[in-house]
Amino acid sequence: MLAQLPPDEWHSSYYKKLSGECEGLWEIRFEADNVPQRPLGYRSGALEFTLLLWARERNDRFIPVNACEQALHRKAECLAFGDRTNAFWLPLE
């Protein structure tokens, strides 16, 4: 659904900017089988979002507990070495 919306229409019900130890990351927010899913990533272009790590949420905490640390490390690698990313195109209907 988010892929079909311009970035200025993404709102906190589905997408949230993180702060604190997770500064520089964003989470996509949804549930699957009653489990809060929180893929972490960052806006890497005007119409581009780079997924870095798949996390879940339990008791207002990410699983794995070091999700932000891992995602920030991957983000630094992506920014330093652009060839470590792959485009994943979603067909929009």
PDB file of N, CA and C in Angstrom:
ATOM      1  N   MET A   1       0.813  -1.189   0.000  1.00  0.00           N
ATOM      2  CA  MET A   1       0.000   0.000   0.000  1.00  0.00           C
ATOM      3  C   MET A   1       0.864   1.265   0.000  1.00  0.00           C
ATOM      4  N   LEU A   2       1.921   1.289   0.834  1.00  0.00           N
ATOM      5  CA  LEU A   2       2.756   2.488   0.902  1.00  0.00           C
ATOM      6  C   LEU A   2       3.446   2.790  -0.425  1.00  0.00           C
ATOM      7  N   ALA A   3       3.793   1.756  -1.178  1.00  0.00           N
ATOM      8  CA  ALA A   3       4.475   1.967  -2.453  1.00  0.00           C
ATOM      9  C   ALA A   3       3.612   2.763  -3.428  1.00  0.00           C
ATOM     10  N   GLN A   4       2.303   2.749  -3.242  1.00  0.00           N
ATOM     11  CA  GLN A   4       1.402   3.460  -4.137  1.00  0.00           C
ATOM     12  C   GLN A   4       1.156   4.903  -3.721  1.00  0.00           C
ATOM     13  N   LEU A   5       1.651   5.287  -2.540  1.00  0.00           N
ATOM     14  CA  LEU A   5       1.410   6.640  -2.032  1.00  0.00           C
ATOM     15  C   LEU A   5       2.655   7.504  -2.161  1.00  0.00           C
ATOM     16  N   PRO A   6       2.473   8.795  -2.486  1.00  0.00           N
ATOM     17  CA  PRO A   6       3.618   9.694  -2.448  1.00  0.00           C
ATOM     18  C   PRO A   6       4.117   9.825  -1.002  1.00  0.00           C
ATOM     19  N   PRO A   7       5.413  10.075  -0.812  1.00  0.00           N
ATOM     20  CA  PRO A   7       5.978  10.112   0.541  1.00  0.00           C
ATOM     21  C   PRO A   7       5.262  11.042   1.516  1.00  0.00           C
ATOM     22  N   ASP A   8       4.723  12.164   1.041  1.00  0.00           N
ATOM     23  CA  ASP A   8       4.065  13.093   1.958  1.00  0.00           C
ATOM     24  C   ASP A   8       2.723  12.557   2.465  1.00  0.00           C
ATOM     25  N   GLU A   9       2.253  11.441   1.923  1.00  0.00           N
ATOM     26  CA  GLU A   9       1.008  10.834   2.395  1.00  0.00           C
ATOM     27  C   GLU A   9       1.249   9.634   3.312  1.00  0.00           C
ATOM     28  N   TRP A  10       2.510   9.298   3.559  1.00  0.00           N
ATOM     29  CA  TRP A  10       2.814   8.236   4.522  1.00  0.00           C
ATOM     30  C   TRP A  10       2.589   8.835   5.907  1.00  0.00           C
ATOM     31  N   HIS A  11       1.782   8.194   6.758  1.00  0.00           N
ATOM     32  CA  HIS A  11       1.531   8.743   8.080  1.00  0.00           C
ATOM     33  C   HIS A  11       1.844   7.705   9.149  1.00  0.00           C
ATOM     34  N   SER A  12       1.830   8.129  10.391  1.00  0.00           N
ATOM     35  CA  SER A  12       2.348   7.324  11.497  1.00  0.00           C
ATOM     36  C   SER A  12       1.576   6.039  11.780  1.00  0.00           C
ATOM     37  N   SER A  13       0.407   5.876  11.216  1.00  0.00           N
ATOM     38  CA  SER A  13      -0.285   4.597  11.399  1.00  0.00           C
ATOM     39  C   SER A  13       0.466   3.464  10.711  1.00  0.00           C
ATOM     40  N   TYR A  14       1.191   3.823   9.638  1.00  0.00           N
ATOM     41  CA  TYR A  14       1.878   2.813   8.840  1.00  0.00           C
ATOM     42  C   TYR A  14       3.390   2.983   8.800  1.00  0.00           C
ATOM     43  N   TYR A  15       3.879   4.142   9.196  1.00  0.00           N
ATOM     44  CA  TYR A  15       5.278   4.485   8.980  1.00  0.00           C
ATOM     45  C   TYR A  15       5.686   5.490  10.050  1.00  0.00           C
ATOM     46  N   LYS A  16       6.799   5.249  10.728  1.00  0.00           N
ATOM     47  CA  LYS A  16       7.164   6.130  11.837  1.00  0.00           C
ATOM     48  C   LYS A  16       8.664   6.399  11.853  1.00  0.00           C
ATOM     49  N   LYS A  17       9.008   7.677  12.040  1.00  0.00           N
ATOM     50  CA  LYS A  17      10.407   8.069  12.206  1.00  0.00           C
ATOM     51  C   LYS A  17      10.831   7.709  13.626  1.00  0.00           C
ATOM     52  N   LEU A  18      11.986   7.077  13.751  1.00  0.00           N
ATOM     53  CA  LEU A  18      12.469   6.655  15.059  1.00  0.00           C
ATOM     54  C   LEU A  18      13.454   7.672  15.622  1.00  0.00           C
ATOM     55  N   SER A  19      13.656   7.635  16.924  1.00  0.00           N
ATOM     56  CA  SER A  19      14.560   8.574  17.585  1.00  0.00           C
ATOM     57  C   SER A  19      15.405   7.825  18.609  1.00  0.00           C
ATOM     58  N   GLY A  20      16.176   8.581  19.371  1.00  0.00           N
ATOM     59  CA  GLY A  20      17.025   7.968  20.396  1.00  0.00           C
ATOM     60  C   GLY A  20      18.086   7.098  19.763  1.00  0.00           C
ATOM     61  N   GLU A  21      18.255   5.889  20.278  1.00  0.00           N
ATOM     62  CA  GLU A  21      19.283   4.988  19.757  1.00  0.00           C
ATOM     63  C   GLU A  21      18.983   4.545  18.328  1.00  0.00           C
ATOM     64  N   CYS A  22      17.765   4.799  17.856  1.00  0.00           N
ATOM     65  CA  CYS A  22      17.354   4.417  16.497  1.00  0.00           C
ATOM     66  C   CYS A  22      17.333   5.609  15.537  1.00  0.00           C
ATOM     67  N   GLU A  23      17.869   6.750  15.962  1.00  0.00           N
ATOM     68  CA  GLU A  23      17.882   7.965  15.137  1.00  0.00           C
ATOM     69  C   GLU A  23      18.450   7.667  13.756  1.00  0.00           C
ATOM     70  N   GLY A  24      17.736   8.143  12.728  1.00  0.00           N
ATOM     71  CA  GLY A  24      18.164   7.915  11.348  1.00  0.00           C
ATOM     72  C   GLY A  24      17.444   6.747  10.693  1.00  0.00           C
ATOM     73  N   LEU A  25      16.588   6.065  11.452  1.00  0.00           N
ATOM     74  CA  LEU A  25      15.828   4.937  10.927  1.00  0.00           C
ATOM     75  C   LEU A  25      14.339   5.255  10.948  1.00  0.00           C
ATOM     76  N   TRP A  26      13.622   4.522  10.129  1.00  0.00           N
ATOM     77  CA  TRP A  26      12.171   4.585  10.076  1.00  0.00           C
ATOM     78  C   TRP A  26      11.654   3.158  10.179  1.00  0.00           C
ATOM     79  N   GLU A  27      10.447   3.003  10.690  1.00  0.00           N
ATOM     80  CA  GLU A  27       9.831   1.682  10.742  1.00  0.00           C
ATOM     81  C   GLU A  27       8.550   1.685   9.932  1.00  0.00           C
ATOM     82  N   ILE A  28       8.309   0.590   9.237  1.00  0.00           N
ATOM     83  CA  ILE A  28       7.027   0.354   8.597  1.00  0.00           C
ATOM     84  C   ILE A  28       6.228  -0.456   9.609  1.00  0.00           C
ATOM     85  N   ARG A  29       4.971  -0.099   9.816  1.00  0.00           N
ATOM     86  CA  ARG A  29       4.178  -0.668  10.910  1.00  0.00           C
ATOM     87  C   ARG A  29       2.971  -1.439  10.368  1.00  0.00           C
ATOM     88  N   PHE A  30       2.896  -2.734  10.696  1.00  0.00           N
ATOM     89  CA  PHE A  30       1.720  -3.535  10.373  1.00  0.00           C
ATOM     90  C   PHE A  30       1.726  -4.796  11.237  1.00  0.00           C
ATOM     91  N   GLU A  31       0.610  -5.495  11.228  1.00  0.00           N
ATOM     92  CA  GLU A  31       0.500  -6.746  11.978  1.00  0.00           C
ATOM     93  C   GLU A  31       0.288  -7.898  11.011  1.00  0.00           C
ATOM     94  N   ALA A  32       0.862  -9.039  11.359  1.00  0.00           N
ATOM     95  CA  ALA A  32       0.641 -10.289  10.633  1.00  0.00           C
ATOM     96  C   ALA A  32       0.429 -11.373  11.679  1.00  0.00           C
ATOM     97  N   ASP A  33      -0.687 -12.071  11.601  1.00  0.00           N
ATOM     98  CA  ASP A  33      -1.033 -13.100  12.592  1.00  0.00           C
ATOM     99  C   ASP A  33      -0.984 -12.548  14.016  1.00  0.00           C
ATOM    100  N   ASN A  34      -1.487 -11.327  14.191  1.00  0.00           N
ATOM    101  CA  ASN A  34      -1.540 -10.643  15.493  1.00  0.00           C
ATOM    102  C   ASN A  34      -0.177 -10.363  16.096  1.00  0.00           C
ATOM    103  N   VAL A  35       0.855 -10.324  15.279  1.00  0.00           N
ATOM    104  CA  VAL A  35       2.209  -9.999  15.744  1.00  0.00           C
ATOM    105  C   VAL A  35       2.624  -8.699  15.061  1.00  0.00           C
ATOM    106  N   PRO A  36       2.951  -7.650  15.845  1.00  0.00           N
ATOM    107  CA  PRO A  36       3.398  -6.394  15.241  1.00  0.00           C
ATOM    108  C   PRO A  36       4.727  -6.577  14.505  1.00  0.00           C
ATOM    109  N   GLN A  37       4.712  -6.309  13.208  1.00  0.00           N
ATOM    110  CA  GLN A  37       5.911  -6.396  12.373  1.00  0.00           C
ATOM    111  C   GLN A  37       6.470  -4.991  12.190  1.00  0.00           C
ATOM    112  N   ARG A  38       7.788  -4.866  12.263  1.00  0.00           N
ATOM    113  CA  ARG A  38       8.422  -3.556  12.181  1.00  0.00           C
ATOM    114  C   ARG A  38       9.679  -3.600  11.302  1.00  0.00           C
ATOM    115  N   PRO A  39       9.539  -3.732   9.981  1.00  0.00           N
ATOM    116  CA  PRO A  39      10.715  -3.657   9.127  1.00  0.00           C
ATOM    117  C   PRO A  39      11.370  -2.279   9.285  1.00  0.00           C
ATOM    118  N   LEU A  40      12.676  -2.252   9.463  1.00  0.00           N
ATOM    119  CA  LEU A  40      13.418  -1.011   9.671  1.00  0.00           C
ATOM    120  C   LEU A  40      14.174  -0.641   8.408  1.00  0.00           C
ATOM    121  N   GLY A  41      14.238   0.652   8.133  1.00  0.00           N
ATOM    122  CA  GLY A  41      14.959   1.109   6.959  1.00  0.00           C
ATOM    123  C   GLY A  41      15.101   2.619   6.967  1.00  0.00           C
ATOM    124  N   TYR A  42      15.370   3.157   5.784  1.00  0.00           N
ATOM    125  CA  TYR A  42      15.529   4.616   5.647  1.00  0.00           C
ATOM    126  C   TYR A  42      15.148   5.032   4.241  1.00  0.00           C
ATOM    127  N   ARG A  43      14.798   6.304   4.100  1.00  0.00           N
ATOM    128  CA  ARG A  43      14.498   6.876   2.786  1.00  0.00           C
ATOM    129  C   ARG A  43      15.828   7.104   2.079  1.00  0.00           C
ATOM    130  N   SER A  44      16.034   6.364   0.999  1.00  0.00           N
ATOM    131  CA  SER A  44      17.298   6.444   0.282  1.00  0.00           C
ATOM    132  C   SER A  44      17.169   7.213  -1.024  1.00  0.00           C
ATOM    133  N   GLY A  45      16.011   7.755  -1.277  1.00  0.00           N
ATOM    134  CA  GLY A  45      15.765   8.559  -2.464  1.00  0.00           C
ATOM    135  C   GLY A  45      14.368   9.140  -2.379  1.00  0.00           C
ATOM    136  N   ALA A  46      14.034  10.002  -3.325  1.00  0.00           N
ATOM    137  CA  ALA A  46      12.732  10.670  -3.286  1.00  0.00           C
ATOM    138  C   ALA A  46      11.579   9.665  -3.258  1.00  0.00           C
ATOM    139  N   LEU A  47      11.655   8.628  -4.056  1.00  0.00           N
ATOM    140  CA  LEU A  47      10.603   7.610  -4.098  1.00  0.00           C
ATOM    141  C   LEU A  47      11.196   6.236  -3.799  1.00  0.00           C
ATOM    142  N   GLU A  48      12.150   6.209  -2.889  1.00  0.00           N
ATOM    143  CA  GLU A  48      12.860   4.972  -2.602  1.00  0.00           C
ATOM    144  C   GLU A  48      13.002   4.780  -1.094  1.00  0.00           C
ATOM    145  N   PHE A  49      12.783   3.556  -0.640  1.00  0.00           N
ATOM    146  CA  PHE A  49      12.958   3.199   0.761  1.00  0.00           C
ATOM    147  C   PHE A  49      13.814   1.944   0.800  1.00  0.00           C
ATOM    148  N   THR A  50      14.875   1.965   1.587  1.00  0.00           N
ATOM    149  CA  THR A  50      15.765   0.812   1.699  1.00  0.00           C
ATOM    150  C   THR A  50      15.445   0.058   2.984  1.00  0.00           C
ATOM    151  N   LEU A  51      15.046  -1.208   2.844  1.00  0.00           N
ATOM    152  CA  LEU A  51      14.819  -2.081   3.996  1.00  0.00           C
ATOM    153  C   LEU A  51      16.168  -2.591   4.487  1.00  0.00           C
ATOM    154  N   LEU A  52      16.383  -2.498   5.778  1.00  0.00           N
ATOM    155  CA  LEU A  52      17.653  -2.911   6.369  1.00  0.00           C
ATOM    156  C   LEU A  52      17.533  -4.146   7.245  1.00  0.00           C
ATOM    157  N   LEU A  53      16.450  -4.251   7.994  1.00  0.00           N
ATOM    158  CA  LEU A  53      16.315  -5.351   8.945  1.00  0.00           C
ATOM    159  C   LEU A  53      14.844  -5.558   9.279  1.00  0.00           C
ATOM    160  N   TRP A  54      14.441  -6.804   9.385  1.00  0.00           N
ATOM    161  CA  TRP A  54      13.061  -7.117   9.761  1.00  0.00           C
ATOM    162  C   TRP A  54      13.015  -7.333  11.268  1.00  0.00           C
ATOM    163  N   ALA A  55      12.234  -6.533  11.953  1.00  0.00           N
ATOM    164  CA  ALA A  55      12.067  -6.672  13.399  1.00  0.00           C
ATOM    165  C   ALA A  55      10.591  -6.906  13.701  1.00  0.00           C
ATOM    166  N   ARG A  56      10.347  -7.415  14.872  1.00  0.00           N
ATOM    167  CA  ARG A  56       8.997  -7.529  15.413  1.00  0.00           C
ATOM    168  C   ARG A  56       8.955  -6.672  16.672  1.00  0.00           C
ATOM    169  N   GLU A  57       7.772  -6.437  17.169  1.00  0.00           N
ATOM    170  CA  GLU A  57       7.636  -5.636  18.385  1.00  0.00           C
ATOM    171  C   GLU A  57       6.899  -6.445  19.446  1.00  0.00           C
ATOM    172  N   ARG A  58       7.442  -6.414  20.658  1.00  0.00           N
ATOM    173  CA  ARG A  58       6.788  -7.055  21.800  1.00  0.00           C
ATOM    174  C   ARG A  58       7.009  -6.155  23.007  1.00  0.00           C
ATOM    175  N   ASN A  59       5.923  -5.790  23.691  1.00  0.00           N
ATOM    176  CA  ASN A  59       5.991  -4.922  24.871  1.00  0.00           C
ATOM    177  C   ASN A  59       6.760  -3.630  24.577  1.00  0.00           C
ATOM    178  N   ASP A  60       6.444  -3.017  23.430  1.00  0.00           N
ATOM    179  CA  ASP A  60       7.068  -1.753  23.005  1.00  0.00           C
ATOM    180  C   ASP A  60       8.575  -1.863  22.819  1.00  0.00           C
ATOM    181  N   ARG A  61       9.087  -3.052  22.536  1.00  0.00           N
ATOM    182  CA  ARG A  61      10.518  -3.260  22.287  1.00  0.00           C
ATOM    183  C   ARG A  61      10.684  -4.097  21.024  1.00  0.00           C
ATOM    184  N   PHE A  62      11.779  -3.818  20.303  1.00  0.00           N
ATOM    185  CA  PHE A  62      12.070  -4.584  19.101  1.00  0.00           C
ATOM    186  C   PHE A  62      12.637  -5.951  19.441  1.00  0.00           C
ATOM    187  N   ILE A  63      12.305  -6.904  18.611  1.00  0.00           N
ATOM    188  CA  ILE A  63      12.909  -8.232  18.631  1.00  0.00           C
ATOM    189  C   ILE A  63      13.536  -8.389  17.252  1.00  0.00           C
ATOM    190  N   PRO A  64      14.838  -8.528  17.121  1.00  0.00           N
ATOM    191  CA  PRO A  64      15.840  -8.707  18.165  1.00  0.00           C
ATOM    192  C   PRO A  64      16.092  -7.411  18.940  1.00  0.00           C
ATOM    193  N   VAL A  65      16.609  -7.551  20.141  1.00  0.00           N
ATOM    194  CA  VAL A  65      16.793  -6.390  21.011  1.00  0.00           C
ATOM    195  C   VAL A  65      17.813  -5.402  20.451  1.00  0.00           C
ATOM    196  N   ASN A  66      18.738  -5.857  19.628  1.00  0.00           N
ATOM    197  CA  ASN A  66      19.727  -4.958  19.037  1.00  0.00           C
ATOM    198  C   ASN A  66      19.371  -4.599  17.593  1.00  0.00           C
ATOM    199  N   ALA A  67      18.080  -4.571  17.289  1.00  0.00           N
ATOM    200  CA  ALA A  67      17.618  -4.305  15.927  1.00  0.00           C
ATOM    201  C   ALA A  67      18.133  -2.972  15.393  1.00  0.00           C
ATOM    202  N   CYS A  68      18.057  -1.926  16.189  1.00  0.00           N
ATOM    203  CA  CYS A  68      18.502  -0.609  15.722  1.00  0.00           C
ATOM    204  C   CYS A  68      20.002  -0.595  15.471  1.00  0.00           C
ATOM    205  N   GLU A  69      20.752  -1.192  16.344  1.00  0.00           N
ATOM    206  CA  GLU A  69      22.209  -1.261  16.169  1.00  0.00           C
ATOM    207  C   GLU A  69      22.551  -1.977  14.856  1.00  0.00           C
ATOM    208  N   GLN A  70      21.903  -3.107  14.622  1.00  0.00           N
ATOM    209  CA  GLN A  70      22.153  -3.856  13.389  1.00  0.00           C
ATOM    210  C   GLN A  70      21.742  -3.051  12.158  1.00  0.00           C
ATOM    211  N   ALA A  71      20.564  -2.434  12.214  1.00  0.00           N
ATOM    212  CA  ALA A  71      20.066  -1.668  11.070  1.00  0.00           C
ATOM    213  C   ALA A  71      20.941  -0.460  10.781  1.00  0.00           C
ATOM    214  N   LEU A  72      21.404   0.234  11.814  1.00  0.00           N
ATOM    215  CA  LEU A  72      22.284   1.389  11.598  1.00  0.00           C
ATOM    216  C   LEU A  72      23.617   0.959  11.003  1.00  0.00           C
ATOM    217  N   HIS A  73      24.121  -0.194  11.407  1.00  0.00           N
ATOM    218  CA  HIS A  73      25.360  -0.717  10.832  1.00  0.00           C
ATOM    219  C   HIS A  73      25.153  -1.015   9.347  1.00  0.00           C
ATOM    220  N   ARG A  74      24.033  -1.638   9.009  1.00  0.00           N
ATOM    221  CA  ARG A  74      23.728  -1.935   7.607  1.00  0.00           C
ATOM    222  C   ARG A  74      23.521  -0.664   6.797  1.00  0.00           C
ATOM    223  N   LYS A  75      22.897   0.342   7.411  1.00  0.00           N
ATOM    224  CA  LYS A  75      22.700   1.615   6.714  1.00  0.00           C
ATOM    225  C   LYS A  75      24.048   2.238   6.373  1.00  0.00           C
ATOM    226  N   ALA A  76      24.975   2.235   7.331  1.00  0.00           N
ATOM    227  CA  ALA A  76      26.309   2.785   7.076  1.00  0.00           C
ATOM    228  C   ALA A  76      26.996   2.037   5.937  1.00  0.00           C
ATOM    229  N   GLU A  77      26.836   0.725   5.891  1.00  0.00           N
ATOM    230  CA  GLU A  77      27.420  -0.057   4.800  1.00  0.00           C
ATOM    231  C   GLU A  77      26.780   0.301   3.461  1.00  0.00           C
ATOM    232  N   CYS A  78      25.462   0.462   3.440  1.00  0.00           N
ATOM    233  CA  CYS A  78      24.766   0.829   2.204  1.00  0.00           C
ATOM    234  C   CYS A  78      25.217   2.192   1.700  1.00  0.00           C
ATOM    235  N   LEU A  79      25.386   3.134   2.618  1.00  0.00           N
ATOM    236  CA  LEU A  79      25.812   4.476   2.219  1.00  0.00           C
ATOM    237  C   LEU A  79      27.261   4.482   1.741  1.00  0.00           C
ATOM    238  N   ALA A  80      28.105   3.661   2.344  1.00  0.00           N
ATOM    239  CA  ALA A  80      29.514   3.608   1.959  1.00  0.00           C
ATOM    240  C   ALA A  80      29.741   2.767   0.704  1.00  0.00           C
ATOM    241  N   PHE A  81      28.962   1.710   0.562  1.00  0.00           N
ATOM    242  CA  PHE A  81      29.147   0.764  -0.535  1.00  0.00           C
ATOM    243  C   PHE A  81      27.799   0.514  -1.201  1.00  0.00           C
ATOM    244  N   GLY A  82      27.428   1.388  -2.132  1.00  0.00           N
ATOM    245  CA  GLY A  82      26.123   1.295  -2.782  1.00  0.00           C
ATOM    246  C   GLY A  82      25.870  -0.010  -3.498  1.00  0.00           C
ATOM    247  N   ASP A  83      26.935  -0.736  -3.840  1.00  0.00           N
ATOM    248  CA  ASP A  83      26.755  -1.998  -4.553  1.00  0.00           C
ATOM    249  C   ASP A  83      26.256  -3.111  -3.634  1.00  0.00           C
ATOM    250  N   ARG A  84      26.071  -2.829  -2.367  1.00  0.00           N
ATOM    251  CA  ARG A  84      25.555  -3.835  -1.431  1.00  0.00           C
ATOM    252  C   ARG A  84      24.044  -3.790  -1.298  1.00  0.00           C
ATOM    253  N   THR A  85      23.397  -3.015  -2.157  1.00  0.00           N
ATOM    254  CA  THR A  85      21.940  -2.955  -2.151  1.00  0.00           C
ATOM    255  C   THR A  85      21.413  -3.521  -3.459  1.00  0.00           C
ATOM    256  N   ASN A  86      20.185  -3.987  -3.434  1.00  0.00           N
ATOM    257  CA  ASN A  86      19.523  -4.517  -4.621  1.00  0.00           C
ATOM    258  C   ASN A  86      18.136  -3.915  -4.726  1.00  0.00           C
ATOM    259  N   ALA A  87      17.763  -3.526  -5.925  1.00  0.00           N
ATOM    260  CA  ALA A  87      16.428  -2.991  -6.149  1.00  0.00           C
ATOM    261  C   ALA A  87      15.412  -4.111  -6.123  1.00  0.00           C
ATOM    262  N   PHE A  88      14.271  -3.846  -5.497  1.00  0.00           N
ATOM    263  CA  PHE A  88      13.162  -4.783  -5.469  1.00  0.00           C
ATOM    264  C   PHE A  88      11.939  -4.025  -5.929  1.00  0.00           C
ATOM    265  N   TRP A  89      11.531  -4.274  -7.141  1.00  0.00           N
ATOM    266  CA  TRP A  89      10.421  -3.543  -7.709  1.00  0.00           C
ATOM    267  C   TRP A  89       9.114  -4.255  -7.432  1.00  0.00           C
ATOM    268  N   LEU A  90       8.156  -3.526  -6.925  1.00  0.00           N
ATOM    269  CA  LEU A  90       6.836  -4.076  -6.628  1.00  0.00           C
ATOM    270  C   LEU A  90       5.865  -3.636  -7.721  1.00  0.00           C
ATOM    271  N   PRO A  91       5.200  -4.580  -8.364  1.00  0.00           N
ATOM    272  CA  PRO A  91       4.180  -4.166  -9.342  1.00  0.00           C
ATOM    273  C   PRO A  91       2.975  -3.585  -8.620  1.00  0.00           C
ATOM    274  N   LEU A  92       2.540  -2.438  -9.050  1.00  0.00           N
ATOM    275  CA  LEU A  92       1.391  -1.776  -8.428  1.00  0.00           C
ATOM    276  C   LEU A  92       0.139  -2.076  -9.243  1.00  0.00           C
ATOM    277  N   GLU A  93      -0.916  -2.419  -8.562  1.00  0.00           N
ATOM    278  CA  GLU A  93      -2.175  -2.727  -9.245  1.00  0.00           C
ATOM    279  C   GLU A  93      -3.206  -1.676  -8.951  1.00  0.00           C
TER     280      GLU A  93
END
